[in-house]
């Protein structure tokens, strides 16, 4: 049995759609209570644990760093220790925000980390806690997650296009949009391999090819048939409480070598999301 922490998030939903997992919501395992998370693992005795829950409100984390740290670091570390004590492989989702966001090269899993905001620091602390637990683990860093559900860039652009025919969108932040469905599929491949004895480690997974937020927005409107003009602007023209990385490019080579998973084509993933959005009642 695969135990998933998270129930309503983008990746957690996709996992439930793709496999017979047991997904725990906040009422069953609140990540603000790390001991409850550890108890849930003991009670369910799963074959694999996937942590698909996180504090993802990047800007809010600047003023709520303690909660972000509890959810993104203390709780995953408690999960990892509980798994290590029972010999259970533990899979954990992380982010490109653990890096500085500078330069133009694709970040490799072993590159030096240097998070620039509270959210990134909490996620890096979570990675450190998982590694320190001493069990078998796989950390999957990803970027720019989107799906047909929840608050993400695609659903936001579609909502804005209902009342706007022109938008200014940042064009100097570069990364790989990544469908939640493909992240879930990748995690399931990794989970099976970990059950079969794969060593694990830290890996990257993101959509290809790299683009800017403005480029992503243009493709959303093109595929959705929305007549919206997108004007690219620099990050400096759109200030936010939390600093955003200019370089979110991820090198996914080691994931391909160890698990046979290649980066997905986000254009195809976007088409699937838009089809699901169109079919929604």
Protein backbone atom coordinates (compact mmCIF):
# COMPACT_ATOMS: atom_id res chain seq x y z
CA UNK A 1 0.00 0.00 0.00
CA UNK A 2 1.19 3.51 -0.83
CA UNK A 3 0.44 6.09 1.86
CA UNK A 4 0.17 9.67 0.59
CA UNK A 5 0.27 12.73 2.79
CA UNK A 6 -1.95 15.27 1.09
CA UNK A 7 -5.41 14.87 -0.36
CA UNK A 8 -6.53 18.02 -2.16
CA UNK A 9 -3.28 19.42 -3.57
CA UNK A 10 -2.46 19.17 -7.25
CA UNK A 11 -0.06 16.22 -7.07
CA UNK A 12 -2.04 14.44 -4.34
CA UNK A 13 -5.17 14.58 -6.51
CA UNK A 14 -3.24 13.22 -9.49
CA UNK A 15 -1.83 10.36 -7.41
CA UNK A 16 -5.32 9.37 -6.33
CA UNK A 17 -6.50 9.44 -9.94
CA UNK A 18 -3.65 7.22 -11.12
CA UNK A 19 -3.22 4.60 -8.42
CA UNK A 20 -5.05 2.95 -5.49
CA UNK A 21 -3.29 4.99 -2.82
CA UNK A 22 -4.39 5.87 0.68
CA UNK A 23 -4.38 9.68 0.84
CA UNK A 24 -4.52 11.49 4.18
CA UNK A 25 -6.08 14.93 4.46
CA UNK A 26 -5.43 17.49 7.15
CA UNK A 27 -8.17 16.00 9.35
CA UNK A 28 -6.26 12.70 9.41
CA UNK A 29 -2.68 13.97 9.52
CA UNK A 30 -2.11 17.68 10.05
CA UNK A 31 1.45 18.58 9.05
CA UNK A 32 1.42 21.22 11.78
CA UNK A 33 1.50 18.21 14.14
CA UNK A 34 4.58 16.17 13.15
CA UNK A 35 3.92 13.53 15.80
CA UNK A 36 0.50 12.85 14.24
CA UNK A 37 2.20 12.29 10.88
CA UNK A 38 4.58 9.77 12.42
CA UNK A 39 1.68 7.99 14.13
CA UNK A 40 -0.20 7.77 10.83
CA UNK A 41 2.72 5.88 9.31
CA UNK A 42 2.83 3.49 12.25
CA UNK A 43 -0.94 2.93 12.10
CA UNK A 44 -1.13 2.28 8.34
CA UNK A 45 2.11 0.26 7.98
CA UNK A 46 2.48 1.14 4.27
CA UNK A 47 4.98 -0.26 1.78
CA UNK A 48 5.92 3.25 0.59
CA UNK A 49 5.18 6.78 1.81
CA UNK A 50 4.86 9.80 -0.51
CA UNK A 51 4.70 13.27 0.99
CA UNK A 52 2.68 15.37 -1.45
CA UNK A 53 1.60 17.96 1.12
CA UNK A 54 3.32 21.29 1.67
CA UNK A 55 2.98 24.92 2.64
CA UNK A 56 3.11 26.53 -0.82
CA UNK A 57 1.96 30.10 -0.17
CA UNK A 58 5.31 31.62 -1.16
CA UNK A 59 4.53 35.24 -0.33
CA UNK A 60 2.61 34.47 2.87
CA UNK A 61 5.59 32.47 4.14
CA UNK A 62 7.57 35.71 4.48
CA UNK A 63 5.35 36.66 7.43
CA UNK A 64 4.52 33.10 8.51
CA UNK A 65 7.93 31.45 8.35
CA UNK A 66 7.33 29.41 11.51
CA UNK A 67 4.31 27.62 10.04
CA UNK A 68 6.07 27.11 6.71
CA UNK A 69 9.01 25.55 8.56
CA UNK A 70 6.75 23.29 10.61
CA UNK A 71 4.87 22.01 7.56
CA UNK A 72 7.74 21.90 5.07
CA UNK A 73 10.57 20.79 7.33
CA UNK A 74 9.64 19.50 10.79
CA UNK A 75 6.78 17.28 9.58
CA UNK A 76 8.65 15.67 6.65
CA UNK A 77 11.60 14.98 8.94
CA UNK A 78 9.26 13.23 11.40
CA UNK A 79 7.76 11.20 8.53
CA UNK A 80 11.21 10.25 7.29
CA UNK A 81 12.32 9.12 10.76
CA UNK A 82 9.17 7.02 11.15
CA UNK A 83 9.84 5.44 7.76
CA UNK A 84 13.52 4.85 8.54
CA UNK A 85 12.63 3.06 11.77
CA UNK A 86 10.43 0.64 9.82
CA UNK A 87 12.48 0.26 6.66
CA UNK A 88 9.87 2.04 4.52
CA UNK A 89 11.02 4.02 1.45
CA UNK A 90 10.05 7.71 1.74
CA UNK A 91 9.44 9.98 -1.27
CA UNK A 92 9.28 13.74 -0.79
CA UNK A 93 8.50 16.59 -3.20
CA UNK A 94 10.74 19.65 -3.13
CA UNK A 95 11.35 22.68 -5.34
CA UNK A 96 13.80 24.66 -7.45
CA UNK A 97 13.45 27.44 -4.84
CA UNK A 98 16.21 25.75 -2.83
CA UNK A 99 18.67 27.30 -5.31
CA UNK A 100 19.73 30.93 -5.69
CA UNK A 101 17.79 31.40 -8.93
CA UNK A 102 20.77 33.05 -10.62
CA UNK A 103 22.60 32.22 -13.84
CA UNK A 104 21.28 30.39 -16.89
CA UNK A 105 22.52 26.81 -16.47
CA UNK A 106 20.07 24.07 -15.53
CA UNK A 107 20.42 23.24 -11.86
CA UNK A 108 21.80 19.78 -11.13
CA UNK A 109 20.81 17.85 -8.00
CA UNK A 110 24.29 18.24 -6.49
CA UNK A 111 24.63 21.98 -7.15
CA UNK A 112 25.05 24.23 -4.08
CA UNK A 113 21.77 25.40 -2.57
CA UNK A 114 21.07 29.00 -1.59
CA UNK A 115 17.35 29.77 -1.14
CA UNK A 116 16.34 33.42 -1.42
CA UNK A 117 13.04 33.42 0.47
CA UNK A 118 11.35 31.87 3.52
CA UNK A 119 9.52 29.26 1.45
CA UNK A 120 12.74 28.07 -0.17
CA UNK A 121 14.52 27.95 3.20
CA UNK A 122 11.71 25.85 4.68
CA UNK A 123 11.85 23.40 1.76
CA UNK A 124 15.62 23.08 2.03
CA UNK A 125 15.31 22.44 5.76
CA UNK A 126 12.82 19.70 4.88
CA UNK A 127 15.31 18.12 2.50
CA UNK A 128 17.98 18.22 5.21
CA UNK A 129 15.63 16.58 7.70
CA UNK A 130 14.72 13.80 5.28
CA UNK A 131 18.36 13.08 4.52
CA UNK A 132 19.32 13.11 8.20
CA UNK A 133 16.65 10.55 9.11
CA UNK A 134 18.90 7.75 7.93
CA UNK A 135 16.40 5.77 5.86
CA UNK A 136 15.98 5.17 2.14
CA UNK A 137 14.55 8.28 0.53
CA UNK A 138 13.99 10.00 -2.78
CA UNK A 139 13.58 13.77 -2.97
CA UNK A 140 12.01 15.02 -6.20
CA UNK A 141 12.55 18.71 -6.90
CA UNK A 142 10.17 20.16 -9.45
CA UNK A 143 8.96 23.54 -10.72
CA UNK A 144 5.98 25.52 -12.01
CA UNK A 145 3.37 22.85 -11.20
CA UNK A 146 0.03 23.13 -12.96
CA UNK A 147 -3.21 21.17 -13.29
CA UNK A 148 -6.90 21.69 -13.91
CA UNK A 149 -7.57 22.04 -10.17
CA UNK A 150 -6.55 24.52 -7.55
CA UNK A 151 -4.72 27.81 -7.73
CA UNK A 152 -1.92 27.66 -10.29
CA UNK A 153 -0.69 29.70 -13.23
CA UNK A 154 -2.93 28.00 -15.80
CA UNK A 155 -6.15 28.37 -13.83
CA UNK A 156 -5.21 31.96 -12.96
CA UNK A 157 -4.58 32.89 -16.61
CA UNK A 158 -7.86 31.30 -17.69
CA UNK A 159 -9.73 33.20 -14.99
CA UNK A 160 -8.14 36.52 -15.92
CA UNK A 161 -8.87 35.96 -19.61
CA UNK A 162 -12.59 36.00 -18.85
CA UNK A 163 -12.45 39.73 -18.16
CA UNK A 164 -9.17 40.90 -19.72
CA UNK A 165 -7.96 41.05 -23.32
CA UNK A 166 -4.41 42.17 -22.43
CA UNK A 167 -2.04 41.14 -19.63
CA UNK A 168 1.45 42.03 -18.48
CA UNK A 169 3.39 38.88 -17.56
CA UNK A 170 6.95 38.46 -16.29
CA UNK A 171 9.32 37.33 -19.05
CA UNK A 172 12.73 37.18 -17.34
CA UNK A 173 11.97 34.21 -15.06
CA UNK A 174 12.77 31.01 -16.95
CA UNK A 175 11.76 27.47 -16.03
CA UNK A 176 9.93 24.32 -17.00
CA UNK A 177 6.15 24.20 -16.50
CA UNK A 178 5.32 20.77 -15.07
CA UNK A 179 1.93 19.01 -15.17
CA UNK A 180 0.92 17.59 -11.79
CA UNK A 181 -0.22 14.42 -13.57
CA UNK A 182 3.30 13.80 -14.86
CA UNK A 183 4.81 14.43 -11.43
CA UNK A 184 2.42 11.86 -9.97
CA UNK A 185 3.27 9.32 -12.66
CA UNK A 186 6.96 9.87 -11.99
CA UNK A 187 6.51 9.41 -8.25
CA UNK A 188 4.69 6.12 -8.83
CA UNK A 189 7.54 4.85 -11.01
CA UNK A 190 10.01 5.88 -8.34
CA UNK A 191 7.91 4.32 -5.57
CA UNK A 192 7.88 0.96 -7.32
CA UNK A 193 11.62 1.13 -7.96
CA UNK A 194 12.27 2.02 -4.32
CA UNK A 195 10.18 -0.97 -3.22
CA UNK A 196 12.33 -3.08 -5.53
CA UNK A 197 15.52 -1.83 -3.90
CA UNK A 198 16.51 1.36 -5.74
CA UNK A 199 18.92 3.44 -3.67
CA UNK A 200 17.15 6.78 -4.13
CA UNK A 201 18.66 10.22 -3.56
CA UNK A 202 17.87 13.71 -4.83
CA UNK A 203 16.39 14.12 -8.32
CA UNK A 204 14.94 16.78 -10.59
CA UNK A 205 11.83 16.61 -12.74
CA UNK A 206 10.38 19.42 -14.84
CA UNK A 207 8.60 19.96 -18.12
CA UNK A 208 10.41 20.82 -21.35
CA UNK A 209 11.26 22.99 -23.13
CA UNK A 210 12.18 25.86 -20.83
CA UNK A 211 10.13 29.02 -21.23
CA UNK A 212 9.22 32.25 -19.45
CA UNK A 213 5.99 32.95 -17.62
CA UNK A 214 5.04 35.21 -20.53
CA UNK A 215 5.78 32.45 -23.02
CA UNK A 216 3.77 30.01 -20.94
CA UNK A 217 0.85 32.46 -20.84
CA UNK A 218 0.89 32.92 -24.62
CA UNK A 219 0.73 29.15 -25.13
CA UNK A 220 -2.14 28.85 -22.65
CA UNK A 221 -4.18 31.43 -24.54
CA UNK A 222 -3.25 29.98 -27.93
CA UNK A 223 -4.35 26.47 -26.96
CA UNK A 224 -7.46 27.74 -25.16
CA UNK A 225 -8.47 29.95 -28.07
CA UNK A 226 -8.49 33.09 -25.94
CA UNK A 227 -7.73 36.41 -27.64
CA UNK A 228 -5.45 37.89 -24.99
CA UNK A 229 -2.38 39.99 -25.77
CA UNK A 230 0.56 39.19 -23.48
CA UNK A 231 3.20 41.86 -22.92
CA UNK A 232 6.41 40.71 -21.31
CA UNK A 233 7.69 42.69 -18.33
CA UNK A 234 10.76 42.34 -16.05
CA UNK A 235 10.47 40.93 -12.55
CA UNK A 236 11.35 44.37 -11.20
CA UNK A 237 8.05 45.69 -12.61
CA UNK A 238 6.05 43.13 -10.63
CA UNK A 239 7.35 43.25 -7.03
CA UNK A 240 6.24 40.54 -4.60
CA UNK A 241 6.91 40.05 -0.87
CA UNK A 242 9.06 36.99 -1.62
CA UNK A 243 11.94 37.10 -4.08
CA UNK A 244 11.33 34.89 -7.14
CA UNK A 245 14.12 32.96 -8.92
CA UNK A 246 15.05 34.17 -12.39
CA UNK A 247 16.52 30.77 -13.21
CA UNK A 248 14.28 27.80 -12.41
CA UNK A 249 15.78 25.50 -15.06
CA UNK A 250 16.29 21.94 -13.79
CA UNK A 251 18.65 19.29 -15.15
CA UNK A 252 16.73 15.99 -15.07
CA UNK A 253 19.47 13.66 -16.38
CA UNK A 254 19.98 11.59 -13.22
CA UNK A 255 16.26 10.82 -12.98
CA UNK A 256 16.42 9.38 -16.49
CA UNK A 257 19.53 7.36 -15.71
CA UNK A 258 18.24 5.90 -12.42
CA UNK A 259 14.50 5.57 -13.11
CA UNK A 260 14.12 5.79 -16.88
CA UNK A 261 11.94 8.91 -16.67
CA UNK A 262 12.48 11.72 -19.19
CA UNK A 263 11.19 15.31 -18.92
CA UNK A 264 7.61 15.63 -20.15
CA UNK A 265 6.46 17.92 -22.97
CA UNK A 266 4.49 20.53 -21.07
CA UNK A 267 2.63 21.54 -24.24
CA UNK A 268 0.95 18.11 -24.24
CA UNK A 269 0.30 18.33 -20.52
CA UNK A 270 -1.29 21.74 -21.02
CA UNK A 271 -3.56 20.36 -23.75
CA UNK A 272 -4.73 17.63 -21.36
CA UNK A 273 -5.38 20.16 -18.60
CA UNK A 274 -7.36 22.44 -20.90
CA UNK A 275 -9.41 19.48 -22.12
CA UNK A 276 -10.21 18.57 -18.51
CA UNK A 277 -11.10 22.19 -17.76
CA UNK A 278 -13.41 22.29 -20.79
CA UNK A 279 -15.18 19.08 -19.78
CA UNK A 280 -15.74 20.23 -16.21
CA UNK A 281 -19.47 20.87 -15.50
